[in-house]
Amino acid sequence: MSPARNLKYRYLKTKMALNQTVQSILDINRKRRVFREDSSRQEELAEELKVLNAVAENHAMRLRTYEQRLQQDDRA
């Protein structure tokens, strides 16, 4: 696989992973509404949400890097 094609592949895979992570975050937010009364479940969901937010942030940073590299390759 050529370097440019490999970069596009990684970009698309990261973009799909970010979309899945965002969907998981939205699912947890829906669950939090259901489990308002259960404090132990709320804490568990809050921990899971922290992890998913960190993962989403990492995906977003990687996506920005890939976008910048792809733009540089297009200019060259």
N, C-alpha and C. Protein backbone atom coordinates (compact mmCIF):
# COMPACT_ATOMS: atom_id res chain seq x y z
N MET A 1 0.85 -1.16 0.00
CA MET A 1 0.00 0.00 0.00
C MET A 1 0.90 1.24 0.00
N SER A 2 0.59 2.18 -0.85
CA SER A 2 1.39 3.40 -0.93
C SER A 2 1.18 4.24 0.34
N PRO A 3 2.14 5.10 0.66
CA PRO A 3 2.01 5.92 1.87
C PRO A 3 0.76 6.80 1.87
N ALA A 4 0.42 7.38 0.71
CA ALA A 4 -0.76 8.25 0.63
C ALA A 4 -2.04 7.43 0.85
N ARG A 5 -2.07 6.26 0.26
CA ARG A 5 -3.26 5.41 0.41
C ARG A 5 -3.36 4.90 1.85
N ASN A 6 -2.23 4.58 2.44
CA ASN A 6 -2.20 4.13 3.84
C ASN A 6 -2.72 5.24 4.76
N LEU A 7 -2.34 6.47 4.48
CA LEU A 7 -2.78 7.60 5.28
C LEU A 7 -4.30 7.79 5.15
N LYS A 8 -4.82 7.67 3.95
CA LYS A 8 -6.26 7.79 3.75
C LYS A 8 -7.00 6.66 4.47
N TYR A 9 -6.43 5.47 4.44
CA TYR A 9 -7.03 4.32 5.12
C TYR A 9 -7.08 4.57 6.63
N ARG A 10 -5.98 5.02 7.20
CA ARG A 10 -5.94 5.31 8.64
C ARG A 10 -6.90 6.43 9.00
N TYR A 11 -6.99 7.43 8.12
CA TYR A 11 -7.92 8.55 8.34
C TYR A 11 -9.36 8.02 8.41
N LEU A 12 -9.75 7.20 7.45
CA LEU A 12 -11.11 6.67 7.42
C LEU A 12 -11.40 5.76 8.62
N LYS A 13 -10.44 4.92 8.98
CA LYS A 13 -10.62 4.03 10.13
C LYS A 13 -10.77 4.85 11.42
N THR A 14 -9.98 5.89 11.56
CA THR A 14 -10.06 6.73 12.75
C THR A 14 -11.38 7.49 12.79
N LYS A 15 -11.83 7.93 11.63
CA LYS A 15 -13.10 8.64 11.56
C LYS A 15 -14.26 7.72 11.95
N MET A 16 -14.21 6.48 11.50
CA MET A 16 -15.25 5.51 11.88
C MET A 16 -15.19 5.22 13.38
N ALA A 17 -13.99 5.09 13.91
CA ALA A 17 -13.84 4.83 15.35
C ALA A 17 -14.37 6.00 16.17
N LEU A 18 -14.12 7.22 15.72
CA LEU A 18 -14.63 8.40 16.42
C LEU A 18 -16.15 8.41 16.39
N ASN A 19 -16.75 8.09 15.26
CA ASN A 19 -18.21 8.04 15.17
C ASN A 19 -18.79 7.00 16.13
N GLN A 20 -18.15 5.84 16.22
CA GLN A 20 -18.61 4.80 17.14
C GLN A 20 -18.48 5.25 18.59
N THR A 21 -17.39 5.94 18.90
CA THR A 21 -17.17 6.43 20.26
C THR A 21 -18.23 7.46 20.63
N VAL A 22 -18.52 8.35 19.70
CA VAL A 22 -19.54 9.38 19.95
C VAL A 22 -20.90 8.72 20.17
N GLN A 23 -21.21 7.69 19.39
CA GLN A 23 -22.46 6.97 19.58
C GLN A 23 -22.52 6.32 20.97
N SER A 24 -21.40 5.77 21.42
CA SER A 24 -21.34 5.18 22.75
C SER A 24 -21.56 6.23 23.84
N ILE A 25 -20.99 7.40 23.64
CA ILE A 25 -21.17 8.50 24.58
C ILE A 25 -22.64 8.90 24.64
N LEU A 26 -23.27 9.00 23.48
CA LEU A 26 -24.70 9.35 23.45
C LEU A 26 -25.55 8.28 24.12
N ASP A 27 -25.20 7.01 23.93
CA ASP A 27 -25.93 5.92 24.58
C ASP A 27 -25.82 6.02 26.11
N ILE A 28 -24.62 6.32 26.59
CA ILE A 28 -24.41 6.45 28.03
C ILE A 28 -25.23 7.62 28.58
N ASN A 29 -25.27 8.71 27.83
CA ASN A 29 -26.07 9.85 28.29
C ASN A 29 -27.55 9.48 28.37
N ARG A 30 -28.03 8.66 27.45
CA ARG A 30 -29.42 8.20 27.52
C ARG A 30 -29.62 7.30 28.75
N LYS A 31 -28.65 6.43 29.01
CA LYS A 31 -28.75 5.53 30.17
C LYS A 31 -28.73 6.32 31.47
N ARG A 32 -27.98 7.41 31.51
CA ARG A 32 -27.90 8.21 32.73
C ARG A 32 -29.26 8.77 33.11
N ARG A 33 -30.08 9.09 32.11
CA ARG A 33 -31.42 9.59 32.40
C ARG A 33 -32.28 8.49 33.02
N VAL A 34 -32.08 7.25 32.56
CA VAL A 34 -32.88 6.13 33.05
C VAL A 34 -32.48 5.78 34.48
N PHE A 35 -31.20 5.83 34.79
CA PHE A 35 -30.68 5.40 36.10
C PHE A 35 -30.44 6.58 37.04
N ARG A 36 -31.29 7.57 37.02
CA ARG A 36 -31.09 8.74 37.88
C ARG A 36 -31.09 8.39 39.36
N GLU A 37 -31.90 7.44 39.74
CA GLU A 37 -32.06 7.10 41.16
C GLU A 37 -30.95 6.20 41.68
N ASP A 38 -30.32 5.43 40.82
CA ASP A 38 -29.31 4.45 41.22
C ASP A 38 -27.93 5.11 41.22
N SER A 39 -27.43 5.48 42.38
CA SER A 39 -26.17 6.23 42.46
C SER A 39 -24.97 5.38 42.07
N SER A 40 -24.98 4.09 42.40
CA SER A 40 -23.84 3.25 42.03
C SER A 40 -23.74 3.11 40.51
N ARG A 41 -24.89 2.96 39.87
CA ARG A 41 -24.91 2.86 38.40
C ARG A 41 -24.50 4.20 37.77
N GLN A 42 -24.91 5.30 38.40
CA GLN A 42 -24.52 6.63 37.92
C GLN A 42 -23.00 6.81 37.96
N GLU A 43 -22.38 6.35 39.04
CA GLU A 43 -20.92 6.46 39.16
C GLU A 43 -20.23 5.61 38.11
N GLU A 44 -20.75 4.41 37.88
CA GLU A 44 -20.18 3.52 36.88
C GLU A 44 -20.27 4.15 35.48
N LEU A 45 -21.42 4.73 35.18
CA LEU A 45 -21.60 5.38 33.88
C LEU A 45 -20.70 6.62 33.75
N ALA A 46 -20.51 7.33 34.86
CA ALA A 46 -19.64 8.52 34.83
C ALA A 46 -18.19 8.12 34.53
N GLU A 47 -17.73 7.01 35.12
CA GLU A 47 -16.37 6.53 34.85
C GLU A 47 -16.23 6.12 33.38
N GLU A 48 -17.22 5.40 32.90
CA GLU A 48 -17.19 4.97 31.50
C GLU A 48 -17.20 6.18 30.57
N LEU A 49 -17.96 7.19 30.94
CA LEU A 49 -18.04 8.41 30.14
C LEU A 49 -16.69 9.14 30.10
N LYS A 50 -15.98 9.17 31.23
CA LYS A 50 -14.66 9.80 31.27
C LYS A 50 -13.71 9.12 30.30
N VAL A 51 -13.73 7.79 30.32
CA VAL A 51 -12.83 7.04 29.44
C VAL A 51 -13.19 7.29 27.98
N LEU A 52 -14.47 7.23 27.66
CA LEU A 52 -14.89 7.44 26.28
C LEU A 52 -14.59 8.86 25.80
N ASN A 53 -14.73 9.85 26.67
CA ASN A 53 -14.38 11.21 26.30
C ASN A 53 -12.89 11.35 25.98
N ALA A 54 -12.06 10.68 26.76
CA ALA A 54 -10.62 10.71 26.50
C ALA A 54 -10.30 10.03 25.17
N VAL A 55 -10.96 8.90 24.92
CA VAL A 55 -10.74 8.19 23.66
C VAL A 55 -11.18 9.06 22.48
N ALA A 56 -12.34 9.70 22.60
CA ALA A 56 -12.84 10.57 21.54
C ALA A 56 -11.89 11.73 21.28
N GLU A 57 -11.33 12.27 22.35
CA GLU A 57 -10.38 13.37 22.20
C GLU A 57 -9.13 12.92 21.44
N ASN A 58 -8.64 11.72 21.76
CA ASN A 58 -7.48 11.18 21.05
C ASN A 58 -7.79 10.95 19.57
N HIS A 59 -8.97 10.40 19.30
CA HIS A 59 -9.37 10.18 17.90
C HIS A 59 -9.43 11.51 17.15
N ALA A 60 -9.99 12.52 17.80
CA ALA A 60 -10.13 13.83 17.16
C ALA A 60 -8.76 14.44 16.85
N MET A 61 -7.83 14.30 17.78
CA MET A 61 -6.48 14.83 17.54
C MET A 61 -5.81 14.11 16.37
N ARG A 62 -5.97 12.78 16.35
CA ARG A 62 -5.39 12.01 15.24
C ARG A 62 -6.02 12.39 13.91
N LEU A 63 -7.33 12.60 13.91
CA LEU A 63 -8.02 13.00 12.68
C LEU A 63 -7.48 14.33 12.16
N ARG A 64 -7.31 15.29 13.06
CA ARG A 64 -6.76 16.59 12.64
C ARG A 64 -5.37 16.44 12.03
N THR A 65 -4.56 15.60 12.64
CA THR A 65 -3.22 15.36 12.11
C THR A 65 -3.28 14.75 10.73
N TYR A 66 -4.14 13.73 10.57
CA TYR A 66 -4.29 13.09 9.25
C TYR A 66 -4.82 14.07 8.21
N GLU A 67 -5.77 14.92 8.60
CA GLU A 67 -6.31 15.91 7.66
C GLU A 67 -5.21 16.88 7.20
N GLN A 68 -4.38 17.31 8.14
CA GLN A 68 -3.29 18.22 7.78
C GLN A 68 -2.31 17.55 6.83
N ARG A 69 -1.98 16.29 7.10
CA ARG A 69 -1.06 15.56 6.22
C ARG A 69 -1.66 15.36 4.84
N LEU A 70 -2.94 15.05 4.80
CA LEU A 70 -3.59 14.86 3.50
C LEU A 70 -3.62 16.17 2.69
N GLN A 71 -3.85 17.29 3.37
CA GLN A 71 -3.83 18.57 2.69
C GLN A 71 -2.44 18.89 2.16
N GLN A 72 -1.41 18.57 2.94
CA GLN A 72 -0.04 18.80 2.50
C GLN A 72 0.28 17.93 1.29
N ASP A 73 -0.20 16.70 1.30
CA ASP A 73 0.04 15.81 0.16
C ASP A 73 -0.67 16.29 -1.09
N ASP A 74 -1.86 16.88 -0.92
CA ASP A 74 -2.61 17.40 -2.07
C ASP A 74 -1.90 18.60 -2.69
N ARG A 75 -1.26 19.41 -1.87
CA ARG A 75 -0.55 20.59 -2.36
C ARG A 75 0.72 20.21 -3.11
N ALA A 76 1.34 19.13 -2.69
CA ALA A 76 2.63 18.74 -3.28
C ALA A 76 2.47 18.09 -4.63
